[in-house]
Each structure stands twice: as structure tokens, then as C-alpha cells.
Amino acid sequence: MKVFMIGGTGLLGSEAAKELIRRGHEVSSLALPPLPRGAVLPPEMKLEFGNYLEMSDEELKKHLMGCEGFVFAAGVDERVEGPAPIYDLYKKYNIDPVKRLLSLCRECGVKHVAICGSYFSYAAKKWPEKELTKWHPYIKSRIDQEEAAMAFAADMDVAVLELPYIFGTQPGRKPVWVFLVENVMSMKKVTMYPKGGSTMVTVHQVGQAIAGAIERNRGGNCYPIGYYNLTWVELLKIVHKYLGCPDKKIVTIPNWMYAIGGRKIMKEQKKHNVQGGLHMVKFTDIMCSNLFIDKSEGCDALGVTDDDIDAAIGDSILLCKDVIEKKTAVLGMKGE
């Protein structure tokens, strides 16, 4: 089938394009320039540079006409800070585009839609007692994004992928893990980290999940995406290995100590008149829990297969180290 994608030059979009093309689909994409230095895109993908937010409905419909599939692999995540209320920024980049683009998809006869979301939505539904949408604007925005997407499920197949921590790299693209590597490198003798853990996938598995959603999903569904469940200690042991300090001691800190760090972050945000997407003190409850997802909850249904998570983590960590040491130039995240 013909598939149109927003964000085909990004880490996730480019991997999804490769997987869709490998399966015999025809992919075209609209993305923001510039192309990351060294990035390898599938030559079969038809690519146009441009900002869809600045394009008219008629311009976008020209891209969608004749397509059976649509992938939204853009938007912004919780790392973005901005003026309060920060929810407005998430609405602009994550929610309003879904409403507009899916409405255009419906007009153009698109039948299958896949949207890259966040596993924080899964957490909000798993732990309603934590009231995550009350305290975290980003998490509320992702739940609202899902609701906006599901409103179109009567007219087309709509899948939201609740994506977790992702490992793997794209040359020239700044990894999300730079902050982790900076913290680990700054602690010379021991690495202090909270208890808890997370589910994880490789970027190749995300490509499989997106392609699987386009091919397999029927109706409206939100798929929790998780394949490898690692505690922070297990993750840090792998990080230490690739940083060349495999014997470095890991000390688990108490929750209250992590919350103090969160309070400092929020104090700095207030000082600079910005708000973050996560309430970093309340986030302690998430960070210090095991936010695990079994592959049977989403990956199996979409045909996601096993991959080398150790190697993917290693690729991410080594690129982060090069970025920190200014050995390579990279592009950061921006809304598309």
C-alpha cells in the first residue's frame, strides 16, 4: 500500500520507513530540514522538506490522496520546556495535529493510521490512583492525544503506539540518553541511582511496531509497547560496560533523595520562567517503580520480534559519549 508519513527523517520515522519499504509498501514523507549529517534514509522513500503546521489543508491533502496508510512520527516529548502552561505547547504539537491530520485522512480515504505516542499513557491507565494526568501536563497531553485519535476509529483503523524508552541511534541525531551518560560520567567512584526500572525496546523494534500497526490493526487500539524489562541497576551495568567502567559500584538511593533532585530542577525552571512536562517531585513515584510491559500486551499483536537490546544500548551510550566530548555534531529534537 501507499503510506504517507510525517517525520520520516527522524529516528523512529526513518526506521519505520525502512521496515515498510522492506515489506513492499510505497512510502512518502514530509519532514523538517535539515537532514542529520550521516543519516541513512531508504532511497526508495519519496521525501519532501517542509513544515506541515504551515501548510494548508489542500497542500496536505495532495500528499494523502491515493494513500491507504498514514504514520504520525513527529511531535515533541517531555524533555521540552516552555512558558506555563506547558500543556499548550503539547496541544499544539501533539494533539491538534492529530485532530487535523486524521480529519484530512478521513476526507482522503486513508484506511490505516499509526501514531507514535508514549508509554506514560499506559502508566496513567495502569496506576489511576497516582493521578498522573493531574500532576504531569505531558502525561495528560498524551492521554488527550489518544482520545483525539480514537474519535476517528469509526471511520478508519487507528493505532496509537505507547512507546517506552528506546535505544538505538541515527547518525547526526542527538540521543535522548545524553543526560544519563552525563550523570554517570560525573560520578567518578560510584553511580547513585534510584530503585525501579522500565520497559525498553530497540529502534528497529519500533519500526516493526509501526509497520505492524499499519498492516495488522483493526479498529481503534492503544498498544503498550515493551519488550525488555530492566531494572535501573541492570541498565546501568550495561551503561558502565560501554563506558569502560564495568566494575563501577552502583548505589541505590532512597526515594526522598531523588525527590530532592526533582525539587532542584523545578526550582531552576521557575527561576527561568519555564515549566516542564513532568512534575519532577511527583515523578519520583514513577521513576522509583517498575514500569514494566510484557511483550504480550502489544508487541506480539504487531509482530515485533526479538532484537539485541544490549548492542542497541551500547550504540546509544557510545554516541552520547561522543556528543558530550564534542567528537560529533548532532541535531536536537524539534516539533515537526
Protein backbone atom coordinates (compact mmCIF):
# COMPACT_ATOMS: atom_id res chain seq x y z
CA MET A 1 0.00 0.00 0.00
CA LYS A 2 0.97 3.65 -0.26
CA VAL A 3 1.88 5.18 3.10
CA PHE A 4 2.38 8.87 3.87
CA MET A 5 4.41 9.81 6.92
CA ILE A 6 5.06 12.99 8.89
CA GLY A 7 8.58 12.83 10.30
CA GLY A 8 10.28 10.34 8.01
CA THR A 9 13.79 11.66 8.64
CA GLY A 10 13.63 11.19 12.42
CA LEU A 11 14.99 8.26 14.38
CA LEU A 12 11.64 6.47 14.53
CA GLY A 13 10.20 7.61 11.21
CA SER A 14 13.22 6.61 9.17
CA GLU A 15 13.29 3.16 10.78
CA ALA A 16 9.57 2.72 10.13
CA ALA A 17 10.07 3.77 6.50
CA LYS A 18 12.82 1.16 6.08
CA GLU A 19 10.60 -1.56 7.53
CA LEU A 20 7.54 -0.60 5.48
CA ILE A 21 9.58 -0.49 2.27
CA ARG A 22 11.19 -3.84 3.13
CA ARG A 23 7.67 -5.27 3.34
CA GLY A 24 6.80 -3.97 -0.12
CA HIS A 25 4.96 -0.75 0.71
CA GLU A 26 5.49 2.60 -1.01
CA VAL A 27 6.45 5.38 1.43
CA SER A 28 6.46 9.16 1.03
CA SER A 29 7.25 11.63 3.78
CA LEU A 30 7.17 15.24 4.79
CA ALA A 31 9.82 16.35 7.30
CA LEU A 32 11.59 19.40 8.65
CA PRO A 33 15.05 20.19 7.30
CA PRO A 34 17.93 19.74 7.70
CA LEU A 35 18.77 16.08 7.29
CA PRO A 36 21.09 14.92 10.10
CA ARG A 37 24.67 14.60 8.93
CA GLY A 38 25.41 11.00 8.07
CA ALA A 39 21.80 9.84 8.34
CA VAL A 40 20.96 6.98 6.00
CA LEU A 41 17.44 7.05 4.64
CA PRO A 42 15.89 4.40 2.41
CA PRO A 43 16.49 5.62 -1.15
CA GLU A 44 13.04 4.39 -2.16
CA MET A 45 11.31 6.85 0.19
CA LYS A 46 9.93 9.94 -1.52
CA LEU A 47 10.93 12.86 0.69
CA GLU A 48 9.82 16.47 0.76
CA PHE A 49 11.11 19.02 3.25
CA GLY A 50 8.56 21.32 4.80
CA ASN A 51 6.62 22.24 7.93
CA TYR A 52 3.16 20.68 7.84
CA LEU A 53 1.99 23.12 10.51
CA GLU A 54 2.46 25.94 7.99
CA MET A 55 0.82 24.11 5.09
CA SER A 56 -2.79 24.46 4.02
CA ASP A 57 -5.26 21.59 4.15
CA GLU A 58 -5.20 21.42 0.36
CA GLU A 59 -1.43 21.10 0.31
CA LEU A 60 -1.54 18.26 2.82
CA LYS A 61 -4.37 16.50 1.01
CA LYS A 62 -2.19 16.30 -2.09
CA HIS A 63 0.18 14.13 -0.08
CA LEU A 64 -2.62 12.00 1.36
CA MET A 65 -4.65 11.38 -1.79
CA GLY A 66 -4.21 7.84 -3.02
CA CYS A 67 -2.66 6.66 0.25
CA GLU A 68 -4.09 3.83 2.32
CA GLY A 69 -1.78 4.37 5.31
CA PHE A 70 -0.64 7.33 7.38
CA VAL A 71 2.06 7.49 10.08
CA PHE A 72 2.49 10.38 12.53
CA ALA A 73 6.08 10.05 13.75
CA ALA A 74 6.53 13.63 14.91
CA GLY A 75 5.63 15.93 17.78
CA VAL A 76 7.54 16.66 20.99
CA ASP A 77 8.13 14.79 24.21
CA GLU A 78 8.55 15.52 27.92
CA ARG A 79 12.06 16.92 27.50
CA VAL A 80 10.67 20.13 26.04
CA GLU A 81 10.27 23.04 28.43
CA GLY A 82 8.43 26.28 27.79
CA PRO A 83 6.29 29.04 29.25
CA ALA A 84 3.47 27.94 31.54
CA PRO A 85 1.08 26.41 30.89
CA ILE A 86 3.33 23.93 29.06
CA TYR A 87 0.27 21.88 28.13
CA ASP A 88 -0.47 24.44 25.42
CA LEU A 89 2.77 23.54 23.65
CA TYR A 90 1.97 19.82 23.77
CA LYS A 91 -1.50 20.57 22.47
CA LYS A 92 0.00 22.47 19.54
CA TYR A 93 2.45 19.76 18.52
CA ASN A 94 0.84 16.50 19.66
CA ILE A 95 -2.93 16.87 19.94
CA ASP A 96 -4.14 19.47 17.44
CA PRO A 97 -2.10 17.89 14.60
CA VAL A 98 -3.72 14.50 15.24
CA LYS A 99 -7.21 16.03 15.04
CA ARG A 100 -6.38 17.94 11.88
CA LEU A 101 -4.41 15.24 10.08
CA LEU A 102 -6.82 12.42 10.84
CA SER A 103 -9.69 14.58 9.65
CA LEU A 104 -7.82 15.05 6.36
CA CYS A 105 -7.06 11.32 6.27
CA ARG A 106 -10.77 10.62 6.52
CA GLU A 107 -11.51 13.02 3.66
CA CYS A 108 -8.84 11.39 1.50
CA GLY A 109 -9.91 7.80 2.14
CA VAL A 110 -6.94 6.71 4.24
CA LYS A 111 -7.76 3.41 5.95
CA HIS A 112 -4.86 2.69 8.33
CA VAL A 113 -3.24 5.13 10.77
CA ALA A 114 -0.35 4.69 13.22
CA ILE A 115 0.57 7.38 15.77
CA CYS A 116 3.70 7.42 17.90
CA GLY A 117 2.60 8.07 21.47
CA SER A 118 4.06 7.49 24.94
CA TYR A 119 4.03 4.69 27.49
CA PHE A 120 3.29 7.31 30.12
CA SER A 121 -0.29 6.96 28.88
CA TYR A 122 -0.09 3.29 29.76
CA ALA A 123 1.20 4.25 33.22
CA ALA A 124 -1.69 6.67 33.76
CA LYS A 125 -4.19 3.92 32.96
CA LYS A 126 -2.30 1.27 34.92
CA TRP A 127 -2.00 3.40 38.05
CA PRO A 128 -5.15 5.58 38.22
CA GLU A 129 -4.58 6.10 41.95
CA LYS A 130 -1.41 8.08 41.19
CA GLU A 131 -3.44 10.73 39.32
CA LEU A 132 -0.68 11.16 36.76
CA THR A 133 -2.73 13.38 34.45
CA LYS A 134 -3.37 15.76 37.34
CA TRP A 135 0.30 16.33 38.13
CA HIS A 136 2.05 15.91 34.78
CA PRO A 137 0.95 18.10 31.83
CA TYR A 138 2.84 15.90 29.39
CA ILE A 139 1.08 12.75 30.52
CA LYS A 140 -2.30 14.49 30.37
CA SER A 141 -1.48 15.60 26.82
CA ARG A 142 -0.68 12.04 25.75
CA ILE A 143 -3.94 10.73 27.18
CA ASP A 144 -5.78 13.54 25.39
CA GLN A 145 -3.90 12.69 22.19
CA GLU A 146 -5.12 9.11 22.43
CA GLU A 147 -8.70 10.24 22.96
CA ALA A 148 -8.44 12.55 19.95
CA ALA A 149 -7.13 9.70 17.81
CA MET A 150 -9.74 7.17 18.94
CA ALA A 151 -12.50 9.58 17.93
CA PHE A 152 -11.71 8.67 14.31
CA ALA A 153 -11.69 4.89 14.81
CA ALA A 154 -15.24 4.51 13.47
CA ASP A 155 -14.03 5.65 10.04
CA MET A 156 -10.56 4.08 9.82
CA ASP A 157 -8.19 1.77 11.66
CA VAL A 158 -6.29 3.88 14.23
CA ALA A 159 -3.40 2.63 16.37
CA VAL A 160 -1.56 4.64 18.99
CA LEU A 161 1.76 3.09 19.97
CA GLU A 162 2.58 3.74 23.62
CA LEU A 163 6.33 3.85 23.16
CA PRO A 164 8.75 3.41 26.10
CA TYR A 165 12.48 4.04 26.41
CA ILE A 166 14.04 3.41 23.01
CA PHE A 167 17.65 2.50 22.30
CA GLY A 168 19.47 2.75 19.00
CA THR A 169 20.95 5.60 17.03
CA GLN A 170 20.69 7.63 13.89
CA PRO A 171 23.94 9.26 12.76
CA GLY A 172 23.76 13.01 13.30
CA ARG A 173 20.75 12.83 15.65
CA LYS A 174 21.21 13.62 19.37
CA PRO A 175 20.26 10.63 21.51
CA VAL A 176 17.81 11.15 24.35
CA TRP A 177 20.28 9.48 26.73
CA VAL A 178 22.88 12.25 26.89
CA PHE A 179 21.58 13.34 30.31
CA LEU A 180 22.04 9.82 31.69
CA VAL A 181 25.59 9.48 30.39
CA GLU A 182 26.47 12.95 31.71
CA ASN A 183 25.22 11.95 35.17
CA VAL A 184 27.07 8.64 35.18
CA MET A 185 30.31 10.23 33.95
CA SER A 186 30.08 12.99 36.56
CA MET A 187 30.00 10.46 39.40
CA LYS A 188 33.60 9.22 39.47
CA LYS A 189 33.64 6.47 42.10
CA VAL A 190 30.08 5.23 42.35
CA THR A 191 26.89 5.68 40.35
CA MET A 192 23.98 6.68 42.56
CA TYR A 193 20.55 5.99 41.12
CA PRO A 194 17.03 5.33 42.42
CA LYS A 195 15.35 1.96 42.61
CA GLY A 196 12.86 0.97 39.96
CA GLY A 197 13.08 0.17 36.28
CA SER A 198 11.47 0.46 32.87
CA THR A 199 10.44 -1.44 29.81
CA MET A 200 12.60 -0.88 26.74
CA VAL A 201 12.77 -1.57 23.01
CA THR A 202 15.23 -1.06 20.19
CA VAL A 203 14.58 1.43 17.42
CA HIS A 204 14.34 -1.48 14.99
CA GLN A 205 11.50 -2.91 17.07
CA VAL A 206 9.71 0.45 16.93
CA GLY A 207 9.94 0.27 13.14
CA GLN A 208 8.39 -3.19 13.28
CA ALA A 209 5.63 -1.96 15.60
CA ILE A 210 4.72 0.94 13.30
CA ALA A 211 4.67 -1.27 10.21
CA GLY A 212 2.72 -3.90 12.13
CA ALA A 213 0.16 -1.31 13.20
CA ILE A 214 -0.40 -0.22 9.60
CA GLU A 215 -0.78 -3.81 8.43
CA ARG A 216 -2.50 -5.56 11.33
CA ASN A 217 -4.50 -3.15 13.46
CA ARG A 218 -8.25 -3.12 13.06
CA GLY A 219 -10.46 -0.53 14.73
CA GLY A 220 -9.12 1.80 17.40
CA ASN A 221 -6.45 0.47 19.74
CA CYS A 222 -3.71 1.80 22.00
CA TYR A 223 -0.83 -0.68 22.10
CA PRO A 224 1.55 -0.74 25.10
CA ILE A 225 4.97 -1.30 23.51
CA GLY A 226 7.52 -3.04 25.70
CA TYR A 227 9.83 -5.99 25.14
CA TYR A 228 12.73 -5.90 27.60
CA ASN A 229 12.06 -5.14 31.26
CA LEU A 230 15.20 -3.97 33.06
CA THR A 231 15.73 -2.51 36.49
CA TRP A 232 17.82 0.67 36.60
CA VAL A 233 20.64 -1.37 38.12
CA GLU A 234 20.54 -3.83 35.21
CA LEU A 235 20.55 -0.95 32.72
CA LEU A 236 23.41 0.82 34.49
CA LYS A 237 25.56 -2.29 34.40
CA ILE A 238 25.26 -2.25 30.61
CA VAL A 239 25.94 1.51 30.54
CA HIS A 240 29.05 1.03 32.68
CA LYS A 241 30.29 -1.71 30.37
CA TYR A 242 30.16 0.55 27.31
CA LEU A 243 31.68 3.48 29.19
CA GLY A 244 34.66 1.30 30.09
CA CYS A 245 33.95 1.07 33.83
CA PRO A 246 32.25 -2.34 34.22
CA ASP A 247 33.27 -2.69 37.87
CA LYS A 248 31.95 0.70 38.99
CA LYS A 249 29.73 0.35 42.05
CA ILE A 250 26.02 1.19 41.83
CA VAL A 251 24.35 2.60 44.95
CA THR A 252 20.56 2.69 45.15
CA ILE A 253 19.39 5.95 46.70
CA PRO A 254 16.13 6.38 48.68
CA ASN A 255 13.09 7.97 47.08
CA TRP A 256 13.33 11.13 49.17
CA MET A 257 16.81 11.80 47.83
CA TYR A 258 15.61 11.54 44.24
CA ALA A 259 12.73 13.89 45.10
CA ILE A 260 15.22 16.49 46.35
CA GLY A 261 16.87 16.42 42.93
CA GLY A 262 13.47 16.87 41.32
CA ARG A 263 12.75 19.84 43.55
CA LYS A 264 16.02 21.47 42.44
CA ILE A 265 15.07 21.01 38.78
CA MET A 266 11.68 22.63 39.33
CA LYS A 267 13.30 25.49 41.22
CA GLU A 268 15.59 26.16 38.24
CA GLN A 269 12.64 26.01 35.87
CA LYS A 270 10.77 28.57 37.93
CA LYS A 271 13.88 30.77 38.01
CA HIS A 272 13.95 30.79 34.20
CA ASN A 273 10.17 31.20 33.87
CA VAL A 274 9.64 27.84 32.19
CA GLN A 275 7.60 24.77 33.01
CA GLY A 276 8.42 21.15 32.35
CA GLY A 277 6.05 18.47 31.17
CA LEU A 278 6.62 16.41 34.29
CA HIS A 279 6.25 17.47 37.92
CA MET A 280 9.70 16.26 38.90
CA VAL A 281 8.90 15.78 42.60
CA LYS A 282 5.74 13.78 41.87
CA PHE A 283 7.66 11.94 39.14
CA THR A 284 9.59 10.19 41.90
CA ASP A 285 6.71 7.75 42.25
CA ILE A 286 7.04 6.72 38.59
CA MET A 287 10.81 6.74 38.41
CA CYS A 288 11.20 4.57 41.50
CA SER A 289 8.65 1.99 40.35
CA ASN A 290 9.00 -0.83 37.84
CA LEU A 291 7.11 0.46 34.82
CA PHE A 292 7.23 -2.87 33.00
CA ILE A 293 5.22 -4.04 29.98
CA ASP A 294 5.11 -7.64 28.83
CA LYS A 295 5.54 -8.13 25.09
CA SER A 296 2.22 -9.97 25.02
CA GLU A 297 0.42 -6.69 25.78
CA GLY A 298 1.24 -5.10 22.41
CA CYS A 299 4.37 -6.27 20.66
CA ASP A 300 3.13 -9.78 19.93
CA ALA A 301 -0.03 -8.49 18.25
CA LEU A 302 2.03 -6.23 15.97
CA GLY A 303 4.64 -8.82 15.05
CA VAL A 304 7.58 -7.31 16.93
CA THR A 305 10.45 -9.79 17.18
CA ASP A 306 13.49 -10.21 19.40
CA ASP A 307 16.49 -7.92 18.94
CA ASP A 308 19.86 -7.19 20.57
CA ILE A 309 18.96 -4.70 23.29
CA ASP A 310 22.49 -4.82 24.76
CA ALA A 311 24.02 -3.69 21.47
CA ALA A 312 21.33 -1.02 20.97
CA ILE A 313 22.02 0.39 24.44
CA GLY A 314 25.73 0.32 23.64
CA ASP A 315 25.27 2.23 20.39
CA SER A 316 23.27 4.90 22.23
CA ILE A 317 25.76 5.23 25.07
CA LEU A 318 28.81 5.48 22.81
CA LEU A 319 27.16 8.16 20.64
CA CYS A 320 26.16 10.07 23.80
CA LYS A 321 29.78 9.96 24.96
CA ASP A 322 30.95 11.34 21.61
CA VAL A 323 28.36 14.14 21.84
CA ILE A 324 29.47 15.06 25.37
CA GLU A 325 33.12 15.06 24.32
CA LYS A 326 32.22 17.13 21.22
CA LYS A 327 33.55 14.49 18.85
CA THR A 328 30.47 14.61 16.65
CA ALA A 329 27.89 17.20 15.60
CA VAL A 330 24.23 16.31 16.11
CA LEU A 331 20.77 17.77 15.71
CA GLY A 332 18.46 18.05 18.69
CA MET A 333 14.71 17.43 18.87
CA LYS A 334 12.18 19.84 17.42
CA GLY A 335 8.50 19.69 16.69
CA GLU A 336 7.55 18.55 13.22
